[in-house]
Amino acid sequence: MNRELKNFVADGVKNCKILVVGDVMLDKYYFGEVTRISPEAPVPINHVTKVKETLGGAANVAHNLARLGCQTSLIAQIGKENHGEVFLNKLKSYGVDGSKIFRADKPTTTKIRVISGHQQMLRLDFEDTAEIDGDAEKIFLENVFAEIEKVDAVIISDYGKGVCSEEICQKIICSCRQLKKIVTVDPKGDDWSKYNFANFITPNLKEFNAVLPKKISNVDAEIEKSARQIIKKFNLNGILVTRSAEGLTLVDGKKISHVKAHAQEVFDVSGAGDTVIAVFTLALAGGIDSTAAAFLANVAAGVVVAKVGTYAVSNDELLAALENFL
């Protein structure tokens, strides 16, 4: 299996085409040093010495795919202001096709963090989480439908910022099913009815527990049982649950796979879920069996959590990590 995966990562990924649809955000960091208090008010003055900009949400999923060599397109909603321009320029630098991104009269979801040393002093959020509707929804879906025909798989990345309404999710999933395209979902919230008939959903344990009538523990038997109930309830092909230090659990029909996390120092788990759905879906799109796809996603997540901050794994890094299992 590992030899097949290595060949796929080395050569097969570049032949895959994946569309990512969902909520995106711009993350801005102002790093500095506090040496005095403002004479205007009793607040610290942060002398900014470094500015960093990264893309989050569905854009981080797309970044992961593009960095692995996959032909990647992203359809999302951003604003018409400067933050939107920054977002598009950053996306272009990642090698992601954002030509069909919808620009609305609402702010680009942006999180600005002011940091002194290693201490976060302040966070400013710019967002409008109202769902897309009316003419905007019509244009948005027309762009999505035109792209679905060209790709091997679609990822719906729901961060609860207004793009992934029930109407939009169901129309995308229905179109994918009709065209026999793989569709996977990174879920949000406690109502997964909007994800009905998706191929796979990839929640973490907290997200998984959010839709269960009773909270379960992070143990194999309980997750297996609950996963089968969720698959039946929402008409899924399968479910991939990320379980932090316990790794991943895949339930796909009669197949059950518990993929253990690799022993290593964990620095930051932010963005690991984006990596999992990106790599898992990419492998499925390349014809890899779901069990092997889950294994590859786990290896990729192991690379990401060893980094500080949101990180997209590269093709070379994933190949190097796979060498440990050959």
C-alpha atoms as a PDB file:
ATOM      1  CA  MET A   1       0.000   0.000   0.000  1.00  0.00           C
ATOM      2  CA  ASN A   2       2.758   2.449   0.949  1.00  0.00           C
ATOM      3  CA  ARG A   3       4.535   1.972  -2.378  1.00  0.00           C
ATOM      4  CA  GLU A   4       1.283   2.753  -4.202  1.00  0.00           C
ATOM      5  CA  LEU A   5       0.812   5.868  -2.106  1.00  0.00           C
ATOM      6  CA  LYS A   6       4.362   7.016  -2.710  1.00  0.00           C
ATOM      7  CA  ASN A   7       3.905   6.671  -6.473  1.00  0.00           C
ATOM      8  CA  PHE A   8       0.633   8.560  -6.261  1.00  0.00           C
ATOM      9  CA  VAL A   9       2.124  11.451  -4.279  1.00  0.00           C
ATOM     10  CA  ALA A  10       5.159  11.580  -6.576  1.00  0.00           C
ATOM     11  CA  ASP A  11       3.303  11.456  -9.902  1.00  0.00           C
ATOM     12  CA  GLY A  12      -0.455  10.947  -9.630  1.00  0.00           C
ATOM     13  CA  VAL A  13      -1.492  14.091  -7.750  1.00  0.00           C
ATOM     14  CA  LYS A  14      -0.722  16.392 -10.675  1.00  0.00           C
ATOM     15  CA  ASN A  15      -3.400  14.657 -12.745  1.00  0.00           C
ATOM     16  CA  CYS A  16      -6.152  15.317 -10.194  1.00  0.00           C
ATOM     17  CA  LYS A  17      -8.519  18.281 -10.375  1.00  0.00           C
ATOM     18  CA  ILE A  18     -10.380  19.330  -7.234  1.00  0.00           C
ATOM     19  CA  LEU A  19     -12.825  22.162  -6.526  1.00  0.00           C
ATOM     20  CA  VAL A  20     -13.070  23.575  -3.014  1.00  0.00           C
ATOM     21  CA  VAL A  21     -16.242  25.437  -2.031  1.00  0.00           C
ATOM     22  CA  GLY A  22     -16.815  27.101   1.307  1.00  0.00           C
ATOM     23  CA  ASP A  23     -16.047  29.799   3.837  1.00  0.00           C
ATOM     24  CA  VAL A  24     -12.718  31.567   3.564  1.00  0.00           C
ATOM     25  CA  MET A  25     -10.888  34.007   5.771  1.00  0.00           C
ATOM     26  CA  LEU A  26      -7.853  36.227   5.853  1.00  0.00           C
ATOM     27  CA  ASP A  27      -5.655  35.976   8.950  1.00  0.00           C
ATOM     28  CA  LYS A  28      -3.423  38.974   9.658  1.00  0.00           C
ATOM     29  CA  TYR A  29      -0.812  39.033  12.414  1.00  0.00           C
ATOM     30  CA  TYR A  30       0.914  42.154  13.734  1.00  0.00           C
ATOM     31  CA  PHE A  31       3.978  41.150  15.751  1.00  0.00           C
ATOM     32  CA  GLY A  32       5.697  43.723  17.900  1.00  0.00           C
ATOM     33  CA  GLU A  33       7.113  44.782  21.233  1.00  0.00           C
ATOM     34  CA  VAL A  34       5.549  46.727  24.096  1.00  0.00           C
ATOM     35  CA  THR A  35       7.900  49.164  25.832  1.00  0.00           C
ATOM     36  CA  ARG A  36       5.567  51.883  27.101  1.00  0.00           C
ATOM     37  CA  ILE A  37       1.999  52.922  27.889  1.00  0.00           C
ATOM     38  CA  SER A  38       0.122  55.324  25.645  1.00  0.00           C
ATOM     39  CA  PRO A  39      -0.174  58.947  26.898  1.00  0.00           C
ATOM     40  CA  GLU A  40      -3.635  59.049  25.290  1.00  0.00           C
ATOM     41  CA  ALA A  41      -5.162  56.218  27.358  1.00  0.00           C
ATOM     42  CA  PRO A  42      -3.968  53.548  29.837  1.00  0.00           C
ATOM     43  CA  VAL A  43      -3.188  51.017  27.087  1.00  0.00           C
ATOM     44  CA  PRO A  44       0.115  49.480  25.939  1.00  0.00           C
ATOM     45  CA  ILE A  45       1.733  50.693  22.707  1.00  0.00           C
ATOM     46  CA  ASN A  46       2.839  47.809  20.492  1.00  0.00           C
ATOM     47  CA  HIS A  47       5.681  48.806  18.201  1.00  0.00           C
ATOM     48  CA  VAL A  48       4.980  46.599  15.164  1.00  0.00           C
ATOM     49  CA  THR A  49       8.072  44.966  13.706  1.00  0.00           C
ATOM     50  CA  LYS A  50       6.545  42.248  11.501  1.00  0.00           C
ATOM     51  CA  VAL A  51       3.281  41.646   9.619  1.00  0.00           C
ATOM     52  CA  LYS A  52       2.161  38.201   8.474  1.00  0.00           C
ATOM     53  CA  GLU A  53      -0.839  37.304   6.295  1.00  0.00           C
ATOM     54  CA  THR A  54      -2.228  33.801   5.778  1.00  0.00           C
ATOM     55  CA  LEU A  55      -5.428  32.351   4.346  1.00  0.00           C
ATOM     56  CA  GLY A  56      -7.732  30.186   6.445  1.00  0.00           C
ATOM     57  CA  GLY A  57     -10.858  28.070   6.168  1.00  0.00           C
ATOM     58  CA  ALA A  58     -11.592  26.663   2.720  1.00  0.00           C
ATOM     59  CA  ALA A  59      -8.627  28.641   1.356  1.00  0.00           C
ATOM     60  CA  ASN A  60      -6.278  26.618   3.577  1.00  0.00           C
ATOM     61  CA  VAL A  61      -7.806  23.418   2.176  1.00  0.00           C
ATOM     62  CA  ALA A  62      -7.110  24.711  -1.338  1.00  0.00           C
ATOM     63  CA  HIS A  63      -3.566  25.709  -0.345  1.00  0.00           C
ATOM     64  CA  ASN A  64      -2.881  22.168   0.893  1.00  0.00           C
ATOM     65  CA  LEU A  65      -4.094  20.698  -2.392  1.00  0.00           C
ATOM     66  CA  ALA A  66      -2.130  23.121  -4.569  1.00  0.00           C
ATOM     67  CA  ARG A  67       1.086  22.665  -2.592  1.00  0.00           C
ATOM     68  CA  LEU A  68       0.842  18.920  -3.165  1.00  0.00           C
ATOM     69  CA  GLY A  69       0.630  19.521  -6.914  1.00  0.00           C
ATOM     70  CA  CYS A  70      -3.117  19.083  -7.445  1.00  0.00           C
ATOM     71  CA  GLN A  71      -4.931  21.288  -9.986  1.00  0.00           C
ATOM     72  CA  THR A  72      -7.035  23.299  -7.555  1.00  0.00           C
ATOM     73  CA  SER A  73      -9.865  25.809  -7.885  1.00  0.00           C
ATOM     74  CA  LEU A  74     -11.689  27.657  -5.126  1.00  0.00           C
ATOM     75  CA  ILE A  75     -15.154  29.209  -5.139  1.00  0.00           C
ATOM     76  CA  ALA A  76     -16.032  31.320  -2.118  1.00  0.00           C
ATOM     77  CA  GLN A  77     -17.326  34.752  -1.176  1.00  0.00           C
ATOM     78  CA  ILE A  78     -15.148  37.722  -0.257  1.00  0.00           C
ATOM     79  CA  GLY A  79     -15.654  41.463  -0.010  1.00  0.00           C
ATOM     80  CA  LYS A  80     -14.779  44.236  -2.446  1.00  0.00           C
ATOM     81  CA  GLU A  81     -12.508  46.052  -0.016  1.00  0.00           C
ATOM     82  CA  ASN A  82      -8.724  45.927   0.421  1.00  0.00           C
ATOM     83  CA  HIS A  83      -8.886  42.723   2.467  1.00  0.00           C
ATOM     84  CA  GLY A  84     -10.471  41.039  -0.542  1.00  0.00           C
ATOM     85  CA  GLU A  85      -7.645  42.221  -2.804  1.00  0.00           C
ATOM     86  CA  VAL A  86      -5.060  40.942  -0.325  1.00  0.00           C
ATOM     87  CA  PHE A  87      -6.894  37.612  -0.223  1.00  0.00           C
ATOM     88  CA  LEU A  88      -6.914  37.224  -4.028  1.00  0.00           C
ATOM     89  CA  ASN A  89      -3.229  38.130  -4.357  1.00  0.00           C
ATOM     90  CA  LYS A  90      -2.293  35.632  -1.672  1.00  0.00           C
ATOM     91  CA  LEU A  91      -4.423  32.931  -3.283  1.00  0.00           C
ATOM     92  CA  LYS A  92      -2.762  33.554  -6.639  1.00  0.00           C
ATOM     93  CA  SER A  93       0.664  33.156  -5.040  1.00  0.00           C
ATOM     94  CA  TYR A  94      -0.462  29.724  -3.804  1.00  0.00           C
ATOM     95  CA  GLY A  95      -1.251  28.621  -7.354  1.00  0.00           C
ATOM     96  CA  VAL A  96      -4.996  28.260  -6.749  1.00  0.00           C
ATOM     97  CA  ASP A  97      -7.530  29.281  -9.407  1.00  0.00           C
ATOM     98  CA  GLY A  98      -9.799  31.846  -7.753  1.00  0.00           C
ATOM     99  CA  SER A  99     -11.250  33.303 -10.962  1.00  0.00           C
ATOM    100  CA  LYS A 100     -14.817  32.371 -10.008  1.00  0.00           C
ATOM    101  CA  ILE A 101     -14.723  33.720  -6.449  1.00  0.00           C
ATOM    102  CA  PHE A 102     -17.804  35.877  -5.779  1.00  0.00           C
ATOM    103  CA  ARG A 103     -17.209  39.415  -4.511  1.00  0.00           C
ATOM    104  CA  ALA A 104     -20.066  40.708  -2.389  1.00  0.00           C
ATOM    105  CA  ASP A 105     -21.017  43.976  -0.697  1.00  0.00           C
ATOM    106  CA  LYS A 106     -19.973  42.611   2.674  1.00  0.00           C
ATOM    107  CA  PRO A 107     -16.620  42.342   4.426  1.00  0.00           C
ATOM    108  CA  THR A 108     -14.079  39.661   3.697  1.00  0.00           C
ATOM    109  CA  THR A 109     -13.969  37.525   6.848  1.00  0.00           C
ATOM    110  CA  THR A 110     -10.755  38.780   8.442  1.00  0.00           C
ATOM    111  CA  LYS A 111      -9.127  38.116  11.793  1.00  0.00           C
ATOM    112  CA  ILE A 112      -6.475  40.599  12.887  1.00  0.00           C
ATOM    113  CA  ARG A 113      -4.267  39.598  15.804  1.00  0.00           C
ATOM    114  CA  VAL A 114      -1.917  41.960  17.637  1.00  0.00           C
ATOM    115  CA  ILE A 115       0.914  40.075  19.339  1.00  0.00           C
ATOM    116  CA  SER A 116       3.671  41.245  21.657  1.00  0.00           C
ATOM    117  CA  GLY A 117       6.395  38.693  22.178  1.00  0.00           C
ATOM    118  CA  HIS A 118       4.453  35.441  22.484  1.00  0.00           C
ATOM    119  CA  GLN A 119       1.360  37.065  23.987  1.00  0.00           C
ATOM    120  CA  GLN A 120      -1.743  37.889  21.956  1.00  0.00           C
ATOM    121  CA  MET A 121      -2.953  41.299  23.074  1.00  0.00           C
ATOM    122  CA  LEU A 122      -5.996  41.837  20.869  1.00  0.00           C
ATOM    123  CA  ARG A 123      -8.023  40.262  18.079  1.00  0.00           C
ATOM    124  CA  LEU A 124     -10.237  42.204  15.673  1.00  0.00           C
ATOM    125  CA  ASP A 125     -12.833  40.300  13.613  1.00  0.00           C
ATOM    126  CA  PHE A 126     -14.441  41.629  10.437  1.00  0.00           C
ATOM    127  CA  GLU A 127     -17.290  39.400   9.228  1.00  0.00           C
ATOM    128  CA  ASP A 128     -20.897  39.150   8.138  1.00  0.00           C
ATOM    129  CA  THR A 129     -22.215  35.586   8.496  1.00  0.00           C
ATOM    130  CA  ALA A 130     -25.565  36.101   6.745  1.00  0.00           C
ATOM    131  CA  GLU A 131     -26.273  33.291   4.276  1.00  0.00           C
ATOM    132  CA  ILE A 132     -25.944  33.889   0.544  1.00  0.00           C
ATOM    133  CA  ASP A 133     -29.341  34.300  -1.101  1.00  0.00           C
ATOM    134  CA  GLY A 134     -31.142  35.892  -4.023  1.00  0.00           C
ATOM    135  CA  ASP A 135     -29.126  36.861  -7.103  1.00  0.00           C
ATOM    136  CA  ALA A 136     -25.851  36.295  -5.254  1.00  0.00           C
ATOM    137  CA  GLU A 137     -26.785  32.664  -4.588  1.00  0.00           C
ATOM    138  CA  LYS A 138     -27.795  32.174  -8.224  1.00  0.00           C
ATOM    139  CA  ILE A 139     -24.480  33.500  -9.549  1.00  0.00           C
ATOM    140  CA  PHE A 140     -22.517  31.586  -6.936  1.00  0.00           C
ATOM    141  CA  LEU A 141     -24.152  28.269  -7.847  1.00  0.00           C
ATOM    142  CA  GLU A 142     -23.813  28.881 -11.597  1.00  0.00           C
ATOM    143  CA  ASN A 143     -20.071  29.262 -11.075  1.00  0.00           C
ATOM    144  CA  VAL A 144     -19.946  26.084  -8.996  1.00  0.00           C
ATOM    145  CA  PHE A 145     -21.961  23.996 -11.463  1.00  0.00           C
ATOM    146  CA  ALA A 146     -19.746  25.097 -14.362  1.00  0.00           C
ATOM    147  CA  GLU A 147     -16.672  23.987 -12.428  1.00  0.00           C
ATOM    148  CA  ILE A 148     -18.021  20.641 -11.147  1.00  0.00           C
ATOM    149  CA  GLU A 149     -18.085  19.243 -14.676  1.00  0.00           C
ATOM    150  CA  LYS A 150     -14.326  19.845 -15.015  1.00  0.00           C
ATOM    151  CA  VAL A 151     -13.110  18.286 -11.755  1.00  0.00           C
ATOM    152  CA  ASP A 152     -12.691  14.842 -10.179  1.00  0.00           C
ATOM    153  CA  ALA A 153     -13.943  15.805  -6.721  1.00  0.00           C
ATOM    154  CA  VAL A 154     -15.514  18.618  -4.713  1.00  0.00           C
ATOM    155  CA  ILE A 155     -14.733  19.567  -1.116  1.00  0.00           C
ATOM    156  CA  ILE A 156     -17.294  21.553   0.891  1.00  0.00           C
ATOM    157  CA  SER A 157     -15.469  23.339   3.714  1.00  0.00           C
ATOM    158  CA  ASP A 158     -18.052  24.726   6.142  1.00  0.00           C
ATOM    159  CA  TYR A 159     -16.864  27.246   8.732  1.00  0.00           C
ATOM    160  CA  GLY A 160     -20.284  28.693   9.476  1.00  0.00           C
ATOM    161  CA  LYS A 161     -19.652  32.046   7.777  1.00  0.00           C
ATOM    162  CA  GLY A 162     -22.653  32.038   5.430  1.00  0.00           C
ATOM    163  CA  VAL A 163     -21.554  30.265   2.246  1.00  0.00           C
ATOM    164  CA  CYS A 164     -22.568  26.704   3.128  1.00  0.00           C
ATOM    165  CA  SER A 165     -26.325  27.118   3.489  1.00  0.00           C
ATOM    166  CA  GLU A 166     -28.555  24.055   3.228  1.00  0.00           C
ATOM    167  CA  GLU A 167     -29.704  25.186  -0.215  1.00  0.00           C
ATOM    168  CA  ILE A 168     -26.179  25.555  -1.570  1.00  0.00           C
ATOM    169  CA  CYS A 169     -24.824  22.369   0.017  1.00  0.00           C
ATOM    170  CA  GLN A 170     -27.704  20.222  -1.217  1.00  0.00           C
ATOM    171  CA  LYS A 171     -27.560  21.559  -4.761  1.00  0.00           C
ATOM    172  CA  ILE A 172     -23.803  20.971  -4.925  1.00  0.00           C
ATOM    173  CA  ILE A 173     -24.099  17.447  -3.511  1.00  0.00           C
ATOM    174  CA  CYS A 174     -26.970  16.609  -5.865  1.00  0.00           C
ATOM    175  CA  SER A 175     -24.984  17.850  -8.869  1.00  0.00           C
ATOM    176  CA  CYS A 176     -21.933  15.820  -7.810  1.00  0.00           C
ATOM    177  CA  ARG A 177     -24.036  12.685  -7.420  1.00  0.00           C
ATOM    178  CA  GLN A 178     -25.621  13.151 -10.840  1.00  0.00           C
ATOM    179  CA  LEU A 179     -22.228  13.655 -12.480  1.00  0.00           C
ATOM    180  CA  LYS A 180     -20.647  10.828 -10.435  1.00  0.00           C
ATOM    181  CA  LYS A 181     -18.141  13.162  -8.797  1.00  0.00           C
ATOM    182  CA  ILE A 182     -16.743  12.563  -5.316  1.00  0.00           C
ATOM    183  CA  VAL A 183     -18.008  15.083  -2.752  1.00  0.00           C
ATOM    184  CA  THR A 184     -16.629  15.343   0.789  1.00  0.00           C
ATOM    185  CA  VAL A 185     -17.572  17.706   3.611  1.00  0.00           C
ATOM    186  CA  ASP A 186     -15.751  19.257   6.564  1.00  0.00           C
ATOM    187  CA  PRO A 187     -18.814  19.969   8.754  1.00  0.00           C
ATOM    188  CA  LYS A 188     -19.873  22.689  11.137  1.00  0.00           C
ATOM    189  CA  GLY A 189     -22.709  22.906  13.667  1.00  0.00           C
ATOM    190  CA  ASP A 190     -25.192  20.416  15.074  1.00  0.00           C
ATOM    191  CA  ASP A 191     -27.415  19.882  12.012  1.00  0.00           C
ATOM    192  CA  TRP A 192     -25.869  17.769   9.270  1.00  0.00           C
ATOM    193  CA  SER A 193     -29.069  17.374   7.258  1.00  0.00           C
ATOM    194  CA  LYS A 194     -27.637  19.878   4.775  1.00  0.00           C
ATOM    195  CA  TYR A 195     -24.881  17.337   4.033  1.00  0.00           C
ATOM    196  CA  ASN A 196     -27.323  14.536   3.128  1.00  0.00           C
ATOM    197  CA  PHE A 197     -25.961  12.144   0.461  1.00  0.00           C
ATOM    198  CA  ALA A 198     -22.357  13.379   0.565  1.00  0.00           C
ATOM    199  CA  ASN A 199     -19.768  10.656  -0.011  1.00  0.00           C
ATOM    200  CA  PHE A 200     -17.760  11.327   3.146  1.00  0.00           C
ATOM    201  CA  ILE A 201     -17.851  13.713   6.089  1.00  0.00           C
ATOM    202  CA  THR A 202     -14.622  14.378   8.015  1.00  0.00           C
ATOM    203  CA  PRO A 203     -15.449  15.761  11.494  1.00  0.00           C
ATOM    204  CA  ASN A 204     -13.154  15.967  14.485  1.00  0.00           C
ATOM    205  CA  LEU A 205     -14.407  14.374  17.702  1.00  0.00           C
ATOM    206  CA  LYS A 206     -15.942  17.613  18.997  1.00  0.00           C
ATOM    207  CA  GLU A 207     -17.852  18.145  15.738  1.00  0.00           C
ATOM    208  CA  PHE A 208     -18.896  14.487  15.737  1.00  0.00           C
ATOM    209  CA  ASN A 209     -20.262  14.745  19.272  1.00  0.00           C
ATOM    210  CA  ALA A 210     -22.233  17.863  18.309  1.00  0.00           C
ATOM    211  CA  VAL A 211     -24.678  15.779  16.224  1.00  0.00           C
ATOM    212  CA  LEU A 212     -24.992  12.824  18.588  1.00  0.00           C
ATOM    213  CA  PRO A 213     -27.854  12.526  21.084  1.00  0.00           C
ATOM    214  CA  LYS A 214     -25.351  11.625  23.793  1.00  0.00           C
ATOM    215  CA  LYS A 215     -21.680  12.549  24.002  1.00  0.00           C
ATOM    216  CA  ILE A 216     -19.282   9.639  23.490  1.00  0.00           C
ATOM    217  CA  SER A 217     -15.716   9.017  24.618  1.00  0.00           C
ATOM    218  CA  ASN A 218     -12.684   8.849  22.359  1.00  0.00           C
ATOM    219  CA  VAL A 219     -12.653   5.045  22.165  1.00  0.00           C
ATOM    220  CA  ASP A 220     -12.874   2.793  19.100  1.00  0.00           C
ATOM    221  CA  ALA A 221     -16.076   0.899  19.884  1.00  0.00           C
ATOM    222  CA  GLU A 222     -18.167   3.989  20.688  1.00  0.00           C
ATOM    223  CA  ILE A 223     -16.977   5.842  17.590  1.00  0.00           C
ATOM    224  CA  GLU A 224     -17.659   2.845  15.332  1.00  0.00           C
ATOM    225  CA  LYS A 225     -21.203   2.440  16.649  1.00  0.00           C
ATOM    226  CA  SER A 226     -22.040   6.155  16.408  1.00  0.00           C
ATOM    227  CA  ALA A 227     -20.462   6.457  12.968  1.00  0.00           C
ATOM    228  CA  ARG A 228     -22.742   3.749  11.573  1.00  0.00           C
ATOM    229  CA  GLN A 229     -25.766   5.578  12.992  1.00  0.00           C
ATOM    230  CA  ILE A 230     -24.667   8.879  11.438  1.00  0.00           C
ATOM    231  CA  ILE A 231     -23.958   7.258   8.057  1.00  0.00           C
ATOM    232  CA  LYS A 232     -27.465   5.786   7.994  1.00  0.00           C
ATOM    233  CA  LYS A 233     -29.155   8.954   9.243  1.00  0.00           C
ATOM    234  CA  PHE A 234     -27.563  11.239   6.649  1.00  0.00           C
ATOM    235  CA  ASN A 235     -27.285   8.768   3.751  1.00  0.00           C
ATOM    236  CA  LEU A 236     -23.496   8.907   3.558  1.00  0.00           C
ATOM    237  CA  ASN A 237     -21.035   6.497   1.995  1.00  0.00           C
ATOM    238  CA  GLY A 238     -18.763   6.824   4.992  1.00  0.00           C
ATOM    239  CA  ILE A 239     -17.272   8.998   7.688  1.00  0.00           C
ATOM    240  CA  LEU A 240     -13.710   9.827   8.719  1.00  0.00           C
ATOM    241  CA  VAL A 241     -13.393  10.998  12.321  1.00  0.00           C
ATOM    242  CA  THR A 242     -10.201  12.768  13.394  1.00  0.00           C
ATOM    243  CA  ARG A 243      -9.435  11.872  17.004  1.00  0.00           C
ATOM    244  CA  SER A 244      -6.464  14.014  17.985  1.00  0.00           C
ATOM    245  CA  ALA A 245      -3.835  11.866  19.754  1.00  0.00           C
ATOM    246  CA  GLU A 246      -5.815   8.703  18.896  1.00  0.00           C
ATOM    247  CA  GLY A 247      -5.419   9.283  15.145  1.00  0.00           C
ATOM    248  CA  LEU A 248      -8.285   8.674  12.701  1.00  0.00           C
ATOM    249  CA  THR A 249     -11.217   6.296  12.372  1.00  0.00           C
ATOM    250  CA  LEU A 250     -12.696   5.505   8.971  1.00  0.00           C
ATOM    251  CA  VAL A 251     -16.062   3.763   8.661  1.00  0.00           C
ATOM    252  CA  ASP A 252     -16.882   3.043   5.026  1.00  0.00           C
ATOM    253  CA  GLY A 253     -19.559   0.407   4.428  1.00  0.00           C
ATOM    254  CA  LYS A 254     -18.288  -2.753   6.082  1.00  0.00           C
ATOM    255  CA  LYS A 255     -14.739  -1.410   6.273  1.00  0.00           C
ATOM    256  CA  ILE A 256     -13.505  -0.057   9.590  1.00  0.00           C
ATOM    257  CA  SER A 257      -9.987   1.343   9.927  1.00  0.00           C
ATOM    258  CA  HIS A 258      -8.400   2.814  13.031  1.00  0.00           C
ATOM    259  CA  VAL A 259      -5.292   4.705  11.971  1.00  0.00           C
ATOM    260  CA  LYS A 260      -3.122   5.565  14.932  1.00  0.00           C
ATOM    261  CA  ALA A 261      -1.395   8.913  15.233  1.00  0.00           C
ATOM    262  CA  HIS A 262       2.357   8.816  14.816  1.00  0.00           C
ATOM    263  CA  ALA A 263       4.345   9.485  17.969  1.00  0.00           C
ATOM    264  CA  GLN A 264       5.883  12.973  17.762  1.00  0.00           C
ATOM    265  CA  GLU A 265       5.898  16.339  19.465  1.00  0.00           C
ATOM    266  CA  VAL A 266       2.743  18.293  18.651  1.00  0.00           C
ATOM    267  CA  PHE A 267       3.233  22.052  18.365  1.00  0.00           C
ATOM    268  CA  ASP A 268      -0.036  23.236  16.815  1.00  0.00           C
ATOM    269  CA  VAL A 269      -3.171  21.417  15.628  1.00  0.00           C
ATOM    270  CA  SER A 270      -4.655  24.449  13.838  1.00  0.00           C
ATOM    271  CA  GLY A 271      -5.412  23.616  10.222  1.00  0.00           C
ATOM    272  CA  ALA A 272      -4.895  19.878  10.670  1.00  0.00           C
ATOM    273  CA  GLY A 273      -8.531  19.180   9.756  1.00  0.00           C
ATOM    274  CA  ASP A 274      -8.047  21.122   6.513  1.00  0.00           C
ATOM    275  CA  THR A 275      -5.067  18.936   5.683  1.00  0.00           C
ATOM    276  CA  VAL A 276      -6.977  15.741   6.440  1.00  0.00           C
ATOM    277  CA  ILE A 277      -9.917  16.468   4.136  1.00  0.00           C
ATOM    278  CA  ALA A 278      -7.604  17.811   1.416  1.00  0.00           C
ATOM    279  CA  VAL A 279      -5.328  14.760   1.333  1.00  0.00           C
ATOM    280  CA  PHE A 280      -8.117  12.221   1.885  1.00  0.00           C
ATOM    281  CA  THR A 281     -10.184  13.653  -0.980  1.00  0.00           C
ATOM    282  CA  LEU A 282      -7.148  14.009  -3.232  1.00  0.00           C
ATOM    283  CA  ALA A 283      -6.325  10.328  -2.757  1.00  0.00           C
ATOM    284  CA  LEU A 284      -9.921   9.283  -3.460  1.00  0.00           C
ATOM    285  CA  ALA A 285      -9.895  11.418  -6.608  1.00  0.00           C
ATOM    286  CA  GLY A 286      -6.746   9.598  -7.689  1.00  0.00           C
ATOM    287  CA  GLY A 287      -8.421   6.208  -7.371  1.00  0.00           C
ATOM    288  CA  ILE A 288      -6.874   5.279  -4.022  1.00  0.00           C
ATOM    289  CA  ASP A 289      -8.899   2.999  -1.726  1.00  0.00           C
ATOM    290  CA  SER A 290     -10.549   4.854   1.183  1.00  0.00           C
ATOM    291  CA  THR A 291      -8.514   2.931   3.793  1.00  0.00           C
ATOM    292  CA  ALA A 292      -5.244   3.901   2.134  1.00  0.00           C
ATOM    293  CA  ALA A 293      -6.543   7.443   1.620  1.00  0.00           C
ATOM    294  CA  ALA A 294      -7.212   7.735   5.375  1.00  0.00           C
ATOM    295  CA  PHE A 295      -3.710   6.453   6.121  1.00  0.00           C
ATOM    296  CA  LEU A 296      -2.176   9.053   3.784  1.00  0.00           C
ATOM    297  CA  ALA A 297      -4.279  11.825   5.361  1.00  0.00           C
ATOM    298  CA  ASN A 298      -3.011  10.777   8.786  1.00  0.00           C
ATOM    299  CA  VAL A 299       0.604  10.904   7.632  1.00  0.00           C
ATOM    300  CA  ALA A 300       0.060  14.399   6.202  1.00  0.00           C
ATOM    301  CA  ALA A 301      -1.625  15.597   9.408  1.00  0.00           C
ATOM    302  CA  GLY A 302       1.386  14.319  11.338  1.00  0.00           C
ATOM    303  CA  VAL A 303       3.615  16.672   9.359  1.00  0.00           C
ATOM    304  CA  VAL A 304       1.295  19.642   9.887  1.00  0.00           C
ATOM    305  CA  VAL A 305       0.843  19.375  13.668  1.00  0.00           C
ATOM    306  CA  ALA A 306       4.630  19.426  14.111  1.00  0.00           C
ATOM    307  CA  LYS A 307       4.670  22.961  12.665  1.00  0.00           C
ATOM    308  CA  VAL A 308       3.729  26.224  14.378  1.00  0.00           C
ATOM    309  CA  GLY A 309       0.603  27.924  13.002  1.00  0.00           C
ATOM    310  CA  THR A 310      -1.559  26.986  10.039  1.00  0.00           C
ATOM    311  CA  TYR A 311       0.605  25.036   7.609  1.00  0.00           C
ATOM    312  CA  ALA A 312       0.163  23.405   4.195  1.00  0.00           C
ATOM    313  CA  VAL A 313       2.196  20.235   3.697  1.00  0.00           C
ATOM    314  CA  SER A 314       4.364  20.094   0.585  1.00  0.00           C
ATOM    315  CA  ASN A 315       4.730  17.226  -1.841  1.00  0.00           C
ATOM    316  CA  ASP A 316       8.339  16.599  -0.780  1.00  0.00           C
ATOM    317  CA  GLU A 317       7.458  16.640   2.920  1.00  0.00           C
ATOM    318  CA  LEU A 318       4.690  14.088   2.438  1.00  0.00           C
ATOM    319  CA  LEU A 319       6.984  11.830   0.398  1.00  0.00           C
ATOM    320  CA  ALA A 320       9.653  12.071   3.103  1.00  0.00           C
ATOM    321  CA  ALA A 321       7.115  11.210   5.806  1.00  0.00           C
ATOM    322  CA  LEU A 322       5.931   8.190   3.803  1.00  0.00           C
ATOM    323  CA  GLU A 323       9.515   6.890   3.641  1.00  0.00           C
ATOM    324  CA  ASN A 324       9.228   6.065   7.350  1.00  0.00           C
ATOM    325  CA  PHE A 325       6.565   3.460   6.511  1.00  0.00           C
ATOM    326  CA  LEU A 326       8.230   1.747   3.548  1.00  0.00           C
END
